[in-house]
Amino acid sequence: MTTVRISTKGQIVLPADLRRRYGLKPGGEVQIVDAEDHLVVVPRADSPIRDLRGLLRGGDSLTAALLAARKTERERE
């Protein structure tokens, strides 16, 4: 747990190690979620689509698996 101080302008400073860990850059955005009895700071993705690109890369090709299964079915007929 990290404790930070609130400035007279209502600002807080996120410690450098947390900014690095979550990839927060100057000008980046976070969301503040009101969870009833506490606040949650959630890093906001710059581009959710770009961040998801390549997520499934490296696994077996589903297309190749489907074509192989259909070929096997045809050979059985």
N, C-alpha and C. Protein backbone atom coordinates (compact mmCIF):
# COMPACT_ATOMS: atom_id res chain seq x y z
N MET A 1 0.85 -1.17 0.00
CA MET A 1 0.00 0.00 0.00
C MET A 1 0.89 1.23 0.00
N THR A 2 0.51 2.22 -0.78
CA THR A 2 1.26 3.45 -0.89
C THR A 2 0.40 4.61 -0.42
N THR A 3 0.99 5.48 0.38
CA THR A 3 0.27 6.66 0.85
C THR A 3 0.79 7.88 0.12
N VAL A 4 -0.12 8.70 -0.39
CA VAL A 4 0.25 9.96 -1.05
C VAL A 4 -0.52 11.09 -0.39
N ARG A 5 -0.01 12.29 -0.52
CA ARG A 5 -0.64 13.47 0.08
C ARG A 5 -1.44 14.21 -0.99
N ILE A 6 -2.58 14.75 -0.60
CA ILE A 6 -3.42 15.53 -1.50
C ILE A 6 -3.01 17.00 -1.37
N SER A 7 -2.74 17.65 -2.53
CA SER A 7 -2.33 19.05 -2.51
C SER A 7 -3.53 19.95 -2.24
N THR A 8 -3.27 21.24 -2.05
CA THR A 8 -4.36 22.19 -1.81
C THR A 8 -5.27 22.30 -3.04
N LYS A 9 -4.76 21.90 -4.21
CA LYS A 9 -5.57 21.91 -5.44
C LYS A 9 -6.29 20.58 -5.66
N GLY A 10 -6.15 19.65 -4.72
CA GLY A 10 -6.81 18.35 -4.84
C GLY A 10 -6.03 17.37 -5.70
N GLN A 11 -4.77 17.65 -5.98
CA GLN A 11 -3.96 16.79 -6.81
C GLN A 11 -3.17 15.80 -5.97
N ILE A 12 -2.89 14.64 -6.58
CA ILE A 12 -2.01 13.66 -5.95
C ILE A 12 -0.89 13.34 -6.93
N VAL A 13 0.22 12.86 -6.41
CA VAL A 13 1.35 12.44 -7.24
C VAL A 13 1.48 10.94 -7.10
N LEU A 14 1.44 10.25 -8.24
CA LEU A 14 1.63 8.81 -8.21
C LEU A 14 3.12 8.53 -8.17
N PRO A 15 3.58 7.68 -7.28
CA PRO A 15 5.01 7.38 -7.18
C PRO A 15 5.57 6.84 -8.50
N ALA A 16 6.84 7.17 -8.76
CA ALA A 16 7.50 6.79 -10.01
C ALA A 16 7.46 5.29 -10.27
N ASP A 17 7.65 4.47 -9.24
CA ASP A 17 7.66 3.02 -9.47
C ASP A 17 6.30 2.52 -9.95
N LEU A 18 5.21 3.12 -9.46
CA LEU A 18 3.88 2.73 -9.92
C LEU A 18 3.62 3.24 -11.34
N ARG A 19 4.09 4.46 -11.65
CA ARG A 19 3.93 4.98 -13.01
C ARG A 19 4.65 4.09 -14.01
N ARG A 20 5.86 3.64 -13.66
CA ARG A 20 6.61 2.75 -14.55
C ARG A 20 5.91 1.41 -14.70
N ARG A 21 5.48 0.83 -13.59
CA ARG A 21 4.85 -0.50 -13.61
C ARG A 21 3.61 -0.52 -14.50
N TYR A 22 2.83 0.56 -14.47
CA TYR A 22 1.58 0.60 -15.23
C TYR A 22 1.69 1.40 -16.52
N GLY A 23 2.90 1.80 -16.88
CA GLY A 23 3.11 2.48 -18.15
C GLY A 23 2.44 3.84 -18.25
N LEU A 24 2.33 4.54 -17.13
CA LEU A 24 1.68 5.85 -17.13
C LEU A 24 2.68 6.92 -17.54
N LYS A 25 2.33 7.69 -18.55
CA LYS A 25 3.19 8.73 -19.09
C LYS A 25 2.57 10.10 -18.80
N PRO A 26 3.37 11.17 -18.82
CA PRO A 26 2.82 12.52 -18.65
C PRO A 26 1.73 12.77 -19.68
N GLY A 27 0.62 13.29 -19.23
CA GLY A 27 -0.51 13.55 -20.12
C GLY A 27 -1.44 12.36 -20.26
N GLY A 28 -1.02 11.19 -19.75
CA GLY A 28 -1.87 10.01 -19.80
C GLY A 28 -3.06 10.18 -18.86
N GLU A 29 -4.00 9.29 -18.97
CA GLU A 29 -5.21 9.41 -18.16
C GLU A 29 -5.42 8.17 -17.29
N VAL A 30 -6.03 8.41 -16.14
CA VAL A 30 -6.49 7.32 -15.27
C VAL A 30 -7.96 7.59 -14.97
N GLN A 31 -8.67 6.55 -14.63
CA GLN A 31 -10.06 6.70 -14.22
C GLN A 31 -10.13 6.53 -12.71
N ILE A 32 -10.95 7.33 -12.08
CA ILE A 32 -11.18 7.21 -10.63
C ILE A 32 -12.56 6.57 -10.46
N VAL A 33 -12.58 5.42 -9.83
CA VAL A 33 -13.83 4.69 -9.63
C VAL A 33 -14.24 4.83 -8.17
N ASP A 34 -15.47 5.29 -7.95
CA ASP A 34 -16.02 5.42 -6.60
C ASP A 34 -16.63 4.07 -6.23
N ALA A 35 -15.94 3.33 -5.35
CA ALA A 35 -16.39 1.99 -4.96
C ALA A 35 -16.98 2.02 -3.55
N GLU A 36 -17.96 2.90 -3.38
CA GLU A 36 -18.67 3.07 -2.10
C GLU A 36 -17.79 3.60 -0.98
N ASP A 37 -16.94 2.75 -0.39
CA ASP A 37 -16.17 3.18 0.77
C ASP A 37 -14.70 3.44 0.45
N HIS A 38 -14.32 3.37 -0.85
CA HIS A 38 -12.94 3.66 -1.24
C HIS A 38 -12.90 4.08 -2.70
N LEU A 39 -11.77 4.66 -3.10
CA LEU A 39 -11.57 5.05 -4.49
C LEU A 39 -10.58 4.10 -5.13
N VAL A 40 -10.79 3.82 -6.41
CA VAL A 40 -9.89 2.95 -7.16
C VAL A 40 -9.36 3.74 -8.35
N VAL A 41 -8.04 3.75 -8.51
CA VAL A 41 -7.41 4.43 -9.64
C VAL A 41 -7.11 3.37 -10.69
N VAL A 42 -7.68 3.53 -11.89
CA VAL A 42 -7.53 2.56 -12.95
C VAL A 42 -6.85 3.22 -14.15
N PRO A 43 -5.69 2.68 -14.58
CA PRO A 43 -5.05 3.24 -15.77
C PRO A 43 -5.98 3.11 -16.98
N ARG A 44 -6.07 4.17 -17.76
CA ARG A 44 -6.92 4.15 -18.95
C ARG A 44 -6.03 3.88 -20.15
N ALA A 45 -6.42 2.92 -20.96
CA ALA A 45 -5.64 2.56 -22.14
C ALA A 45 -5.67 3.71 -23.15
N ASP A 46 -4.50 4.00 -23.76
CA ASP A 46 -4.45 5.03 -24.79
C ASP A 46 -5.33 4.64 -25.96
N SER A 47 -5.21 3.40 -26.38
CA SER A 47 -5.99 2.88 -27.49
C SER A 47 -6.32 1.43 -27.18
N PRO A 48 -7.51 1.16 -26.70
CA PRO A 48 -7.85 -0.22 -26.32
C PRO A 48 -7.67 -1.21 -27.47
N ILE A 49 -7.99 -0.79 -28.69
CA ILE A 49 -7.85 -1.70 -29.83
C ILE A 49 -6.36 -2.00 -30.08
N ARG A 50 -5.53 -0.97 -30.05
CA ARG A 50 -4.10 -1.17 -30.27
C ARG A 50 -3.51 -2.02 -29.15
N ASP A 51 -3.96 -1.83 -27.93
CA ASP A 51 -3.43 -2.60 -26.81
C ASP A 51 -3.78 -4.09 -26.91
N LEU A 52 -4.89 -4.42 -27.57
CA LEU A 52 -5.30 -5.81 -27.71
C LEU A 52 -4.67 -6.49 -28.92
N ARG A 53 -4.09 -5.71 -29.84
CA ARG A 53 -3.49 -6.28 -31.04
C ARG A 53 -2.39 -7.27 -30.66
N GLY A 54 -2.45 -8.45 -31.24
CA GLY A 54 -1.43 -9.46 -31.00
C GLY A 54 -1.67 -10.29 -29.75
N LEU A 55 -2.76 -10.05 -29.05
CA LEU A 55 -3.04 -10.76 -27.81
C LEU A 55 -3.11 -12.27 -28.03
N LEU A 56 -3.68 -12.69 -29.14
CA LEU A 56 -3.85 -14.12 -29.41
C LEU A 56 -2.77 -14.68 -30.32
N ARG A 57 -1.79 -13.88 -30.68
CA ARG A 57 -0.73 -14.32 -31.58
C ARG A 57 0.10 -15.41 -30.91
N GLY A 58 0.58 -16.31 -31.73
CA GLY A 58 1.48 -17.34 -31.22
C GLY A 58 0.80 -18.67 -30.97
N GLY A 59 -0.51 -18.67 -30.91
CA GLY A 59 -1.22 -19.91 -30.68
C GLY A 59 -1.46 -20.65 -31.99
N ASP A 60 -2.06 -21.80 -31.92
CA ASP A 60 -2.38 -22.56 -33.12
C ASP A 60 -3.42 -21.81 -33.94
N SER A 61 -3.31 -21.93 -35.25
CA SER A 61 -4.26 -21.28 -36.15
C SER A 61 -5.58 -22.02 -36.10
N LEU A 62 -6.63 -21.32 -35.74
CA LEU A 62 -7.95 -21.95 -35.69
C LEU A 62 -8.42 -22.29 -37.09
N THR A 63 -8.06 -21.46 -38.07
CA THR A 63 -8.43 -21.74 -39.45
C THR A 63 -7.79 -23.03 -39.93
N ALA A 64 -6.50 -23.20 -39.65
CA ALA A 64 -5.80 -24.42 -40.05
C ALA A 64 -6.42 -25.64 -39.37
N ALA A 65 -6.77 -25.51 -38.11
CA ALA A 65 -7.38 -26.63 -37.39
C ALA A 65 -8.74 -26.99 -37.99
N LEU A 66 -9.52 -25.99 -38.36
CA LEU A 66 -10.84 -26.23 -38.96
C LEU A 66 -10.68 -26.91 -40.32
N LEU A 67 -9.75 -26.41 -41.14
CA LEU A 67 -9.53 -27.02 -42.46
C LEU A 67 -9.05 -28.47 -42.32
N ALA A 68 -8.18 -28.73 -41.36
CA ALA A 68 -7.69 -30.11 -41.14
C ALA A 68 -8.84 -31.01 -40.69
N ALA A 69 -9.71 -30.51 -39.83
CA ALA A 69 -10.84 -31.32 -39.37
C ALA A 69 -11.79 -31.62 -40.52
N ARG A 70 -12.03 -30.64 -41.38
CA ARG A 70 -12.91 -30.88 -42.54
C ARG A 70 -12.30 -31.87 -43.51
N LYS A 71 -10.98 -31.79 -43.70
CA LYS A 71 -10.30 -32.74 -44.59
C LYS A 71 -10.43 -34.15 -44.05
N THR A 72 -10.26 -34.31 -42.73
CA THR A 72 -10.39 -35.63 -42.11
C THR A 72 -11.80 -36.17 -42.30
N GLU A 73 -12.81 -35.30 -42.15
CA GLU A 73 -14.20 -35.72 -42.34
C GLU A 73 -14.45 -36.17 -43.78
N ARG A 74 -13.90 -35.41 -44.73
CA ARG A 74 -14.08 -35.78 -46.15
C ARG A 74 -13.43 -37.14 -46.45
N GLU A 75 -12.27 -37.40 -45.85
CA GLU A 75 -11.57 -38.67 -46.10
C GLU A 75 -12.36 -39.84 -45.54
N ARG A 76 -13.12 -39.62 -44.49
CA ARG A 76 -13.92 -40.70 -43.89
C ARG A 76 -15.12 -41.06 -44.74
N GLU A 77 -15.59 -40.12 -45.54
CA GLU A 77 -16.80 -40.36 -46.35
C GLU A 77 -16.56 -41.24 -47.52
